[in-house]
């Protein structure tokens, strides 16, 4: 059996809120007590990412997508659970112990205007990780590698002495991708890398990422709000809601036969040109807050199929015949 490149088991992450001094106090049973609210960002995430595939994470703002990405990369420490790289546990490692994995796991951030150091030229940005991870390379070899990297992402090598502010948003994101590729990684986390770009530029950057994946057999964890991008780019899709994964499926299975009520609502909102498109599903009910984690299903308050079991018991992921998995009592009981 092939070992997954990335394996995540039972990942949990909670953040303590930091309110003003007055906001931290409230009356409870007639007494003034200090309130300690916590945001439950990740609630038992289980995922695998295989070599050469693109796993897209979708879900509304605040569902925990970016927290998941940062936790995988070691930028945020999980409260519990495990993260394994080729079956080697890495979530408990300190910065020094994690260093060998820094080369194999890279990240492209959402904002190309903030993720590049404004005081470093493009050459410095790319040469620094190359020289750090390859101390035996000569200066001429580093120069050659920087030139090849820039040309491979569509940036002229003659621009290597320019600073980030001299480039457009699309060019900066190409440079960010070149920086991630500079150490020859196996796995790249892309946290909404297209959201700050114009539509035409988005297509260019997306095609570039697909080309690099084919050339280098890269694996991507790709976070986005754009379902059209997911339909074009994904191998598998994980749908997140309030810190949980409610559906995980191959791309074709998810778009052709969505199962979870939340997934159906998301996909119904995609604009289509054909006249046979079903009407968009409008979710009603109060949107829950991650501070007040529901006892049962996280989607209970907005689900038209919810019954008492949904309020009392959290659903487990159930594998379907089309290789998809879904966490829904209604599907398990045949009510949907």
Protein backbone atom coordinates (compact mmCIF):
# COMPACT_ATOMS: atom_id res chain seq x y z
CA UNK A 1 0.00 0.00 0.00
CA UNK A 2 1.37 3.44 -0.98
CA UNK A 3 2.16 5.72 1.97
CA UNK A 4 0.44 9.13 1.68
CA UNK A 5 2.72 12.12 1.31
CA UNK A 6 0.81 13.99 4.06
CA UNK A 7 -1.40 12.32 6.65
CA UNK A 8 -3.44 14.27 9.21
CA UNK A 9 -5.19 12.52 12.09
CA UNK A 10 -7.54 14.14 14.61
CA UNK A 11 -6.13 17.66 14.27
CA UNK A 12 -7.50 20.14 16.83
CA UNK A 13 -6.71 23.84 17.26
CA UNK A 14 -8.30 26.37 19.60
CA UNK A 15 -7.47 30.07 19.97
CA UNK A 16 -8.23 32.15 23.05
CA UNK A 17 -9.90 35.44 22.21
CA UNK A 18 -8.28 38.69 23.31
CA UNK A 19 -10.95 41.26 24.08
CA UNK A 20 -10.66 44.57 25.87
CA UNK A 21 -10.43 44.58 29.64
CA UNK A 22 -14.15 45.28 30.12
CA UNK A 23 -15.15 42.68 27.53
CA UNK A 24 -13.40 39.94 29.51
CA UNK A 25 -15.85 40.26 32.46
CA UNK A 26 -19.49 39.22 32.72
CA UNK A 27 -22.10 38.35 35.35
CA UNK A 28 -22.61 34.62 35.93
CA UNK A 29 -25.01 33.42 38.64
CA UNK A 30 -25.01 36.86 40.21
CA UNK A 31 -21.23 37.11 40.34
CA UNK A 32 -18.77 39.08 38.23
CA UNK A 33 -16.51 36.49 36.63
CA UNK A 34 -13.81 36.61 34.01
CA UNK A 35 -14.83 35.13 30.69
CA UNK A 36 -12.38 33.00 28.70
CA UNK A 37 -13.83 32.55 25.24
CA UNK A 38 -12.10 30.22 22.80
CA UNK A 39 -12.38 29.99 19.02
CA UNK A 40 -12.53 26.36 17.91
CA UNK A 41 -10.72 26.64 14.58
CA UNK A 42 -10.07 22.95 13.85
CA UNK A 43 -12.22 20.15 15.26
CA UNK A 44 -10.87 16.70 14.51
CA UNK A 45 -9.52 17.06 10.96
CA UNK A 46 -8.58 13.82 9.18
CA UNK A 47 -6.97 14.08 5.74
CA UNK A 48 -4.49 12.39 3.43
CA UNK A 49 -2.66 13.99 0.50
CA UNK A 50 -1.05 11.69 -2.06
CA UNK A 51 2.01 12.28 -4.18
CA UNK A 52 1.27 14.29 -7.33
CA UNK A 53 -2.31 15.24 -6.49
CA UNK A 54 -4.07 18.53 -5.79
CA UNK A 55 -6.34 18.58 -2.76
CA UNK A 56 -8.51 21.69 -2.79
CA UNK A 57 -10.03 22.99 0.44
CA UNK A 58 -13.21 25.05 0.08
CA UNK A 59 -15.57 26.64 2.57
CA UNK A 60 -16.77 30.02 3.73
CA UNK A 61 -14.61 32.57 5.53
CA UNK A 62 -13.76 31.54 9.08
CA UNK A 63 -14.20 27.80 8.62
CA UNK A 64 -10.54 27.05 9.43
CA UNK A 65 -8.92 26.67 5.99
CA UNK A 66 -5.96 28.98 6.62
CA UNK A 67 -5.47 27.64 10.15
CA UNK A 68 -5.23 24.15 8.68
CA UNK A 69 -2.63 25.33 6.15
CA UNK A 70 -0.53 27.12 8.75
CA UNK A 71 -0.71 24.15 11.13
CA UNK A 72 0.49 21.74 8.45
CA UNK A 73 3.44 24.04 7.72
CA UNK A 74 4.37 24.37 11.38
CA UNK A 75 3.53 28.08 11.55
CA UNK A 76 0.85 27.25 14.15
CA UNK A 77 1.11 24.46 16.70
CA UNK A 78 -1.89 22.09 17.01
CA UNK A 79 -3.50 21.40 20.39
CA UNK A 80 -3.84 17.70 19.60
CA UNK A 81 -3.69 15.27 16.69
CA UNK A 82 -0.89 14.22 14.36
CA UNK A 83 0.63 15.43 11.10
CA UNK A 84 2.85 12.95 9.24
CA UNK A 85 5.11 13.45 6.25
CA UNK A 86 5.75 10.11 4.53
CA UNK A 87 4.67 8.44 7.78
CA UNK A 88 7.11 10.47 9.89
CA UNK A 89 5.44 12.58 12.54
CA UNK A 90 6.32 16.28 12.29
CA UNK A 91 3.71 18.24 14.27
CA UNK A 92 5.65 18.02 17.55
CA UNK A 93 9.01 19.10 16.11
CA UNK A 94 10.68 22.37 17.09
CA UNK A 95 12.08 24.77 14.49
CA UNK A 96 15.50 23.14 14.39
CA UNK A 97 14.11 19.60 14.12
CA UNK A 98 11.70 20.67 11.40
CA UNK A 99 14.45 22.21 9.25
CA UNK A 100 14.96 19.14 7.00
CA UNK A 101 11.26 19.29 6.14
CA UNK A 102 11.34 23.01 5.29
CA UNK A 103 12.98 22.16 2.01
CA UNK A 104 10.36 19.55 1.12
CA UNK A 105 7.30 21.57 2.20
CA UNK A 106 6.79 25.13 0.96
CA UNK A 107 3.99 27.69 1.05
CA UNK A 108 2.64 30.34 -1.30
CA UNK A 109 0.74 32.99 0.66
CA UNK A 110 -2.42 34.84 -0.24
CA UNK A 111 -1.13 38.39 -0.50
CA UNK A 112 1.81 38.85 -2.91
CA UNK A 113 2.16 42.45 -1.71
CA UNK A 114 2.94 41.35 1.85
CA UNK A 115 4.68 37.99 1.44
CA UNK A 116 7.81 39.38 -0.26
CA UNK A 117 10.40 41.35 1.69
CA UNK A 118 10.32 44.90 0.27
CA UNK A 119 13.98 45.43 1.22
CA UNK A 120 15.26 42.46 -0.77
CA UNK A 121 15.70 42.29 -4.51
CA UNK A 122 14.26 39.36 -6.44
CA UNK A 123 17.74 37.88 -6.68
CA UNK A 124 18.21 38.05 -2.91
CA UNK A 125 14.75 36.58 -2.32
CA UNK A 126 15.52 33.54 -4.47
CA UNK A 127 19.21 33.08 -3.76
CA UNK A 128 18.87 33.09 0.03
CA UNK A 129 16.92 29.78 0.33
CA UNK A 130 19.04 28.19 -2.41
CA UNK A 131 22.33 28.97 -0.67
CA UNK A 132 20.94 28.06 2.76
CA UNK A 133 19.74 24.60 1.74
CA UNK A 134 22.61 23.98 -0.69
CA UNK A 135 25.75 25.30 1.05
CA UNK A 136 28.05 23.46 -1.36
CA UNK A 137 26.85 25.38 -4.42
CA UNK A 138 29.21 27.95 -5.87
CA UNK A 139 28.12 31.52 -6.54
CA UNK A 140 27.94 30.88 -10.29
CA UNK A 141 25.70 27.84 -9.71
CA UNK A 142 23.40 29.89 -7.50
CA UNK A 143 23.25 32.64 -10.13
CA UNK A 144 22.38 30.09 -12.80
CA UNK A 145 19.66 28.52 -10.68
CA UNK A 146 18.08 31.92 -9.97
CA UNK A 147 18.09 32.75 -13.67
CA UNK A 148 16.48 29.42 -14.58
CA UNK A 149 13.83 29.87 -11.87
CA UNK A 150 12.86 33.34 -13.05
CA UNK A 151 12.65 32.28 -16.67
CA UNK A 152 10.57 29.23 -15.71
CA UNK A 153 7.87 31.41 -14.12
CA UNK A 154 7.83 33.96 -16.92
CA UNK A 155 9.96 36.69 -15.31
CA UNK A 156 12.94 38.09 -17.23
CA UNK A 157 16.27 37.29 -15.59
CA UNK A 158 17.29 40.89 -16.23
CA UNK A 159 14.75 41.90 -13.56
CA UNK A 160 16.55 40.05 -10.80
CA UNK A 161 17.97 43.27 -9.34
CA UNK A 162 14.50 44.85 -9.03
CA UNK A 163 12.51 45.17 -5.81
CA UNK A 164 8.97 43.79 -5.26
CA UNK A 165 7.29 47.20 -5.59
CA UNK A 166 8.52 47.36 -9.19
CA UNK A 167 6.36 44.37 -10.19
CA UNK A 168 2.63 43.89 -10.71
CA UNK A 169 0.54 41.64 -8.46
CA UNK A 170 0.66 38.76 -10.91
CA UNK A 171 4.42 39.07 -11.30
CA UNK A 172 4.87 39.11 -7.53
CA UNK A 173 2.87 35.92 -7.18
CA UNK A 174 5.02 34.33 -9.87
CA UNK A 175 8.08 35.34 -7.85
CA UNK A 176 6.46 33.83 -4.74
CA UNK A 177 5.96 30.59 -6.64
CA UNK A 178 9.59 30.71 -7.85
CA UNK A 179 10.72 31.15 -4.24
CA UNK A 180 8.70 28.08 -3.22
CA UNK A 181 10.20 26.09 -6.11
CA UNK A 182 13.75 27.25 -5.41
CA UNK A 183 14.44 24.43 -2.93
CA UNK A 184 12.86 21.67 -5.08
CA UNK A 185 9.96 20.79 -2.74
CA UNK A 186 7.61 17.82 -2.96
CA UNK A 187 4.63 19.59 -1.41
CA UNK A 188 3.31 23.17 -1.72
CA UNK A 189 0.54 24.74 0.34
CA UNK A 190 -1.17 27.54 -1.61
CA UNK A 191 -3.42 29.65 0.62
CA UNK A 192 -5.76 31.51 -1.76
CA UNK A 193 -2.88 32.51 -4.05
CA UNK A 194 -5.22 33.95 -6.69
CA UNK A 195 -7.59 36.08 -4.60
CA UNK A 196 -5.56 39.32 -4.87
CA UNK A 197 -5.15 39.06 -8.65
CA UNK A 198 -7.22 40.10 -11.66
CA UNK A 199 -9.17 37.34 -13.39
CA UNK A 200 -6.92 37.25 -16.46
CA UNK A 201 -3.81 37.11 -14.27
CA UNK A 202 -5.40 34.38 -12.13
CA UNK A 203 -5.60 32.12 -15.17
CA UNK A 204 -1.94 32.71 -15.98
CA UNK A 205 -0.76 31.90 -12.45
CA UNK A 206 -3.03 28.86 -12.22
CA UNK A 207 -1.77 27.48 -15.53
CA UNK A 208 1.79 28.08 -14.36
CA UNK A 209 1.14 26.10 -11.18
CA UNK A 210 -0.35 23.24 -13.20
CA UNK A 211 2.65 23.21 -15.54
CA UNK A 212 5.08 23.06 -12.60
CA UNK A 213 3.08 20.26 -11.03
CA UNK A 214 3.39 18.21 -14.19
CA UNK A 215 7.10 18.96 -14.57
CA UNK A 216 8.06 18.20 -10.96
CA UNK A 217 5.30 15.80 -9.81
CA UNK A 218 4.33 18.28 -7.10
CA UNK A 219 1.56 17.81 -4.58
CA UNK A 220 -0.64 20.81 -3.75
CA UNK A 221 -2.90 21.73 -0.88
CA UNK A 222 -4.84 24.50 -2.59
CA UNK A 223 -7.17 26.75 -0.58
CA UNK A 224 -9.68 28.86 -2.48
CA UNK A 225 -13.18 30.36 -2.50
CA UNK A 226 -13.44 30.06 -6.27
CA UNK A 227 -15.30 26.85 -7.14
CA UNK A 228 -14.62 27.36 -10.84
CA UNK A 229 -10.89 27.09 -10.07
CA UNK A 230 -11.55 23.97 -8.01
CA UNK A 231 -13.46 22.34 -10.87
CA UNK A 232 -10.54 23.04 -13.21
CA UNK A 233 -7.60 22.29 -10.93
CA UNK A 234 -8.50 19.80 -8.19
CA UNK A 235 -7.86 16.09 -7.99
CA UNK A 236 -9.92 15.81 -4.80
CA UNK A 237 -11.98 18.36 -2.88
CA UNK A 238 -12.54 18.74 0.87
CA UNK A 239 -15.47 20.91 1.96
CA UNK A 240 -14.99 22.53 5.38
CA UNK A 241 -17.60 24.05 7.65
CA UNK A 242 -16.92 25.47 11.11
CA UNK A 243 -13.65 23.64 11.62
CA UNK A 244 -14.81 20.26 10.34
CA UNK A 245 -14.69 18.46 7.00
CA UNK A 246 -18.24 17.65 5.95
CA UNK A 247 -17.47 16.10 2.56
CA UNK A 248 -14.34 14.76 0.83
CA UNK A 249 -14.60 13.50 -2.73
CA UNK A 250 -12.89 13.22 -6.10
CA UNK A 251 -13.52 16.31 -8.20
CA UNK A 252 -15.95 14.71 -10.66
CA UNK A 253 -17.95 12.98 -7.91
CA UNK A 254 -18.29 16.19 -5.91
CA UNK A 255 -19.41 18.39 -8.81
CA UNK A 256 -21.66 15.81 -10.46
CA UNK A 257 -23.21 14.27 -7.36
CA UNK A 258 -22.71 16.46 -4.26
CA UNK A 259 -24.06 14.77 -1.16
CA UNK A 260 -23.82 16.98 1.91
CA UNK A 261 -26.52 19.72 2.12
CA UNK A 262 -23.83 22.37 2.57
CA UNK A 263 -21.93 21.16 -0.51
CA UNK A 264 -25.15 21.24 -2.53
CA UNK A 265 -25.78 24.82 -1.44
CA UNK A 266 -22.24 25.87 -2.36
CA UNK A 267 -22.36 24.31 -5.82
CA UNK A 268 -25.83 25.68 -6.56
CA UNK A 269 -24.40 29.21 -6.24
CA UNK A 270 -21.99 28.75 -9.18
CA UNK A 271 -23.19 30.80 -12.18
CA UNK A 272 -23.94 28.55 -15.18
CA UNK A 273 -24.67 29.38 -18.81
CA UNK A 274 -27.02 26.45 -19.45
CA UNK A 275 -30.74 26.93 -18.83
CA UNK A 276 -31.20 23.62 -16.98
CA UNK A 277 -29.31 24.78 -13.91
CA UNK A 278 -31.20 24.28 -10.67
CA UNK A 279 -32.09 27.32 -8.63
CA UNK A 280 -29.57 28.43 -6.03
CA UNK A 281 -30.23 26.95 -2.60
CA UNK A 282 -30.75 29.67 -0.01
CA UNK A 283 -29.66 28.59 3.45
CA UNK A 284 -31.74 29.88 6.32
CA UNK A 285 -31.09 29.90 10.02
CA UNK A 286 -28.43 31.50 12.19
CA UNK A 287 -24.81 31.13 11.20
CA UNK A 288 -23.04 29.53 14.19
CA UNK A 289 -19.95 31.04 15.74
CA UNK A 290 -16.76 29.04 16.33
CA UNK A 291 -16.80 30.36 19.91
CA UNK A 292 -19.99 28.42 20.65
CA UNK A 293 -19.22 25.02 19.17
CA UNK A 294 -22.40 22.96 18.59
CA UNK A 295 -22.72 19.64 20.41
CA UNK A 296 -24.00 17.74 17.37
CA UNK A 297 -23.58 18.41 13.68
CA UNK A 298 -21.95 21.79 12.99
CA UNK A 299 -24.44 22.42 10.14
CA UNK A 300 -27.54 21.68 12.22
CA UNK A 301 -28.79 25.28 12.51
CA UNK A 302 -28.93 25.81 8.73
CA UNK A 303 -29.75 22.31 7.47
CA UNK A 304 -33.32 21.68 6.19
CA UNK A 305 -32.92 17.94 6.90
CA UNK A 306 -31.82 18.17 10.54
CA UNK A 307 -33.58 16.08 13.19
CA UNK A 308 -32.96 15.52 16.89
CA UNK A 309 -30.01 13.19 16.26
CA UNK A 310 -28.27 16.00 14.37
CA UNK A 311 -28.53 18.20 17.47
CA UNK A 312 -27.33 15.49 19.85
CA UNK A 313 -24.63 13.57 17.99
CA UNK A 314 -21.77 14.65 15.74
CA UNK A 315 -21.75 12.64 12.47
CA UNK A 316 -18.77 10.52 11.44
CA UNK A 317 -17.32 10.41 7.92
CA UNK A 318 -18.91 7.58 5.93
CA UNK A 319 -17.33 6.33 2.70
CA UNK A 320 -19.67 6.10 -0.30
CA UNK A 321 -19.56 3.89 -3.39
CA UNK A 322 -18.00 6.62 -5.57
CA UNK A 323 -14.93 6.96 -3.27
CA UNK A 324 -16.36 10.06 -1.61
CA UNK A 325 -16.83 10.46 2.14
CA UNK A 326 -19.54 12.49 3.85
CA UNK A 327 -20.42 13.34 7.46
CA UNK A 328 -24.22 13.57 7.53
CA UNK A 329 -26.85 11.71 9.57
CA UNK A 330 -29.50 12.37 6.91
CA UNK A 331 -27.45 10.57 4.26
CA UNK A 332 -26.62 7.73 6.66
CA UNK A 333 -30.31 7.24 7.49
CA UNK A 334 -31.52 7.65 3.91
CA UNK A 335 -33.43 10.88 4.63
CA UNK A 336 -31.53 12.74 1.87
